[in-house]
Amino acid sequence: MISRFHRFHGYGSLKYVYRNANTVRGPLFSIKSAPNPKRNTYRFAVVVSRKVNKSAVARNRIRRRFYEAMRSMEGQVNGAPDIVLTVFHDSVGQEDYPNLVRQLKKQLRQAGALIKQ
């Protein structure tokens, strides 16, 4: 789980990202990334709609998996972007963790939010 310091607070900042970010779409989720010159570190949010899964337990599990994956690559973040990950497919809950991390890294690199290695 990432620290509270790296999470969004309030809906206004999410609106900013939705309006000004570039989007990278993958097979299971999309990533919106916008540079934030006002901050020193990144912020990360995971949005899982009730349309993806009716169960709050399942939606929270998906959210926690992405937060943990992001925490593991904390040192590779390029600058101080605001990143919003939107899940739109239910199979993310059954996807094995290494594949999920690989897909997340790939999309973050495409969005320019991760240092290319």
C-alpha atoms as a PDB file:
ATOM      1  CA  MET A   1       0.000   0.000   0.000  1.00  0.00           C
ATOM      2  CA  ILE A   2       1.379   3.411  -0.864  1.00  0.00           C
ATOM      3  CA  SER A   3       1.609   6.064   1.819  1.00  0.00           C
ATOM      4  CA  ARG A   4      -1.052   8.727   2.295  1.00  0.00           C
ATOM      5  CA  PHE A   5       1.481  11.251   1.042  1.00  0.00           C
ATOM      6  CA  HIS A   6       1.202   9.744  -2.465  1.00  0.00           C
ATOM      7  CA  ARG A   7      -2.605   9.583  -2.613  1.00  0.00           C
ATOM      8  CA  PHE A   8      -5.113  12.090  -3.960  1.00  0.00           C
ATOM      9  CA  HIS A   9      -7.237  14.119  -1.558  1.00  0.00           C
ATOM     10  CA  GLY A  10     -10.505  15.570  -2.848  1.00  0.00           C
ATOM     11  CA  TYR A  11     -12.158  15.478  -6.232  1.00  0.00           C
ATOM     12  CA  GLY A  12     -10.716  18.736  -7.614  1.00  0.00           C
ATOM     13  CA  SER A  13      -7.298  17.252  -8.264  1.00  0.00           C
ATOM     14  CA  LEU A  14      -8.842  14.249 -10.023  1.00  0.00           C
ATOM     15  CA  LYS A  15     -10.795  16.631 -12.259  1.00  0.00           C
ATOM     16  CA  TYR A  16      -7.531  18.369 -13.169  1.00  0.00           C
ATOM     17  CA  VAL A  17      -5.979  15.063 -14.222  1.00  0.00           C
ATOM     18  CA  TYR A  18      -9.048  14.022 -16.233  1.00  0.00           C
ATOM     19  CA  ARG A  19      -8.982  17.334 -18.136  1.00  0.00           C
ATOM     20  CA  ASN A  20      -5.249  17.788 -18.728  1.00  0.00           C
ATOM     21  CA  ALA A  21      -3.685  14.332 -18.810  1.00  0.00           C
ATOM     22  CA  ASN A  22      -2.536  12.179 -21.675  1.00  0.00           C
ATOM     23  CA  THR A  23      -4.085   8.713 -21.725  1.00  0.00           C
ATOM     24  CA  VAL A  24      -2.503   5.318 -22.330  1.00  0.00           C
ATOM     25  CA  ARG A  25      -5.036   2.542 -22.738  1.00  0.00           C
ATOM     26  CA  GLY A  26      -4.264  -1.138 -22.299  1.00  0.00           C
ATOM     27  CA  PRO A  27      -6.319  -4.323 -22.433  1.00  0.00           C
ATOM     28  CA  LEU A  28      -7.462  -4.199 -18.772  1.00  0.00           C
ATOM     29  CA  PHE A  29      -7.004  -0.627 -17.568  1.00  0.00           C
ATOM     30  CA  SER A  30      -6.063   2.863 -18.703  1.00  0.00           C
ATOM     31  CA  ILE A  31      -3.638   5.347 -17.198  1.00  0.00           C
ATOM     32  CA  LYS A  32      -3.974   9.119 -17.227  1.00  0.00           C
ATOM     33  CA  SER A  33      -0.822  11.009 -16.340  1.00  0.00           C
ATOM     34  CA  ALA A  34      -0.340  14.764 -15.969  1.00  0.00           C
ATOM     35  CA  PRO A  35       2.771  16.587 -14.741  1.00  0.00           C
ATOM     36  CA  ASN A  36       2.238  18.569 -11.549  1.00  0.00           C
ATOM     37  CA  PRO A  37       4.809  21.358 -11.085  1.00  0.00           C
ATOM     38  CA  LYS A  38       3.352  22.291  -7.673  1.00  0.00           C
ATOM     39  CA  ARG A  39       4.403  19.022  -6.024  1.00  0.00           C
ATOM     40  CA  ASN A  40       7.708  17.311  -5.291  1.00  0.00           C
ATOM     41  CA  THR A  41       6.451  13.707  -5.465  1.00  0.00           C
ATOM     42  CA  TYR A  42       3.931  11.739  -7.460  1.00  0.00           C
ATOM     43  CA  ARG A  43       0.283  11.108  -6.583  1.00  0.00           C
ATOM     44  CA  PHE A  44      -1.549   7.941  -7.568  1.00  0.00           C
ATOM     45  CA  ALA A  45      -5.218   6.958  -7.581  1.00  0.00           C
ATOM     46  CA  VAL A  46      -7.042   3.811  -8.686  1.00  0.00           C
ATOM     47  CA  VAL A  47     -10.642   4.109  -9.893  1.00  0.00           C
ATOM     48  CA  VAL A  48     -12.701   0.916  -9.993  1.00  0.00           C
ATOM     49  CA  SER A  49     -16.330   1.393 -10.953  1.00  0.00           C
ATOM     50  CA  ARG A  50     -19.226  -0.622  -9.607  1.00  0.00           C
ATOM     51  CA  LYS A  51     -19.801  -1.700 -13.207  1.00  0.00           C
ATOM     52  CA  VAL A  52     -16.520  -3.637 -13.020  1.00  0.00           C
ATOM     53  CA  ASN A  53     -17.595  -5.635  -9.975  1.00  0.00           C
ATOM     54  CA  LYS A  54     -20.614  -5.236  -7.715  1.00  0.00           C
ATOM     55  CA  SER A  55     -18.755  -6.409  -4.625  1.00  0.00           C
ATOM     56  CA  ALA A  56     -16.935  -3.709  -2.647  1.00  0.00           C
ATOM     57  CA  VAL A  57     -14.571  -6.381  -1.330  1.00  0.00           C
ATOM     58  CA  ALA A  58     -13.500  -7.310  -4.866  1.00  0.00           C
ATOM     59  CA  ARG A  59     -13.129  -3.654  -5.926  1.00  0.00           C
ATOM     60  CA  ASN A  60     -10.986  -2.892  -2.877  1.00  0.00           C
ATOM     61  CA  ARG A  61      -8.825  -5.955  -3.527  1.00  0.00           C
ATOM     62  CA  ILE A  62      -8.167  -4.728  -7.068  1.00  0.00           C
ATOM     63  CA  ARG A  63      -7.325  -1.284  -5.708  1.00  0.00           C
ATOM     64  CA  ARG A  64      -4.924  -2.693  -3.106  1.00  0.00           C
ATOM     65  CA  ARG A  65      -3.118  -4.813  -5.714  1.00  0.00           C
ATOM     66  CA  PHE A  66      -2.402  -1.728  -7.833  1.00  0.00           C
ATOM     67  CA  TYR A  67      -1.339   0.342  -4.813  1.00  0.00           C
ATOM     68  CA  GLU A  68       1.123  -2.376  -3.830  1.00  0.00           C
ATOM     69  CA  ALA A  69       2.474  -2.622  -7.394  1.00  0.00           C
ATOM     70  CA  MET A  70       2.967   1.140  -7.487  1.00  0.00           C
ATOM     71  CA  ARG A  71       4.696   1.118  -4.098  1.00  0.00           C
ATOM     72  CA  SER A  72       7.181  -1.465  -5.388  1.00  0.00           C
ATOM     73  CA  MET A  73       8.255   0.849  -8.235  1.00  0.00           C
ATOM     74  CA  GLU A  74       8.260   4.062  -6.205  1.00  0.00           C
ATOM     75  CA  GLY A  75      11.917   4.830  -6.914  1.00  0.00           C
ATOM     76  CA  GLN A  76      11.415   4.649 -10.694  1.00  0.00           C
ATOM     77  CA  VAL A  77       8.815   7.428 -10.957  1.00  0.00           C
ATOM     78  CA  ASN A  78       9.875  10.210 -13.315  1.00  0.00           C
ATOM     79  CA  GLY A  79       9.370  13.632 -11.689  1.00  0.00           C
ATOM     80  CA  ALA A  80       6.126  14.435  -9.886  1.00  0.00           C
ATOM     81  CA  PRO A  81       3.221  13.310 -12.057  1.00  0.00           C
ATOM     82  CA  ASP A  82      -0.401  12.888 -11.043  1.00  0.00           C
ATOM     83  CA  ILE A  83      -1.439   9.388 -12.148  1.00  0.00           C
ATOM     84  CA  VAL A  84      -4.984   8.017 -12.289  1.00  0.00           C
ATOM     85  CA  LEU A  85      -5.457   4.356 -13.156  1.00  0.00           C
ATOM     86  CA  THR A  86      -8.970   3.435 -14.303  1.00  0.00           C
ATOM     87  CA  VAL A  87      -9.899  -0.259 -14.295  1.00  0.00           C
ATOM     88  CA  PHE A  88     -12.502  -1.230 -16.877  1.00  0.00           C
ATOM     89  CA  HIS A  89     -12.294  -5.011 -16.997  1.00  0.00           C
ATOM     90  CA  ASP A  90     -13.290  -7.499 -14.301  1.00  0.00           C
ATOM     91  CA  SER A  91     -10.525  -9.985 -15.124  1.00  0.00           C
ATOM     92  CA  VAL A  92      -7.986  -7.745 -13.356  1.00  0.00           C
ATOM     93  CA  GLY A  93      -9.050  -9.423 -10.105  1.00  0.00           C
ATOM     94  CA  GLN A  94      -8.001 -12.859 -11.389  1.00  0.00           C
ATOM     95  CA  GLU A  95      -4.861 -11.725 -13.241  1.00  0.00           C
ATOM     96  CA  ASP A  96      -1.653 -13.026 -11.668  1.00  0.00           C
ATOM     97  CA  TYR A  97       0.424 -10.360  -9.937  1.00  0.00           C
ATOM     98  CA  PRO A  98       3.627 -10.465 -12.080  1.00  0.00           C
ATOM     99  CA  ASN A  99       1.612  -9.947 -15.282  1.00  0.00           C
ATOM    100  CA  LEU A 100      -0.258  -7.076 -13.652  1.00  0.00           C
ATOM    101  CA  VAL A 101       2.991  -5.375 -12.606  1.00  0.00           C
ATOM    102  CA  ARG A 102       4.483  -5.898 -16.067  1.00  0.00           C
ATOM    103  CA  GLN A 103       1.452  -4.319 -17.747  1.00  0.00           C
ATOM    104  CA  LEU A 104       1.459  -1.418 -15.272  1.00  0.00           C
ATOM    105  CA  LYS A 105       5.162  -0.704 -15.907  1.00  0.00           C
ATOM    106  CA  LYS A 106       4.650  -0.857 -19.656  1.00  0.00           C
ATOM    107  CA  GLN A 107       1.763   1.620 -19.600  1.00  0.00           C
ATOM    108  CA  LEU A 108       3.501   3.969 -17.145  1.00  0.00           C
ATOM    109  CA  ARG A 109       6.558   4.075 -19.413  1.00  0.00           C
ATOM    110  CA  GLN A 110       4.326   4.877 -22.394  1.00  0.00           C
ATOM    111  CA  ALA A 111       2.710   7.682 -20.401  1.00  0.00           C
ATOM    112  CA  GLY A 112       6.139   9.065 -19.497  1.00  0.00           C
ATOM    113  CA  ALA A 113       5.586   8.649 -15.760  1.00  0.00           C
ATOM    114  CA  LEU A 114       8.317   6.030 -15.259  1.00  0.00           C
ATOM    115  CA  ILE A 115      12.043   6.265 -15.920  1.00  0.00           C
ATOM    116  CA  LYS A 116      12.964   4.145 -18.945  1.00  0.00           C
ATOM    117  CA  GLN A 117      15.354   1.341 -18.016  1.00  0.00           C
END
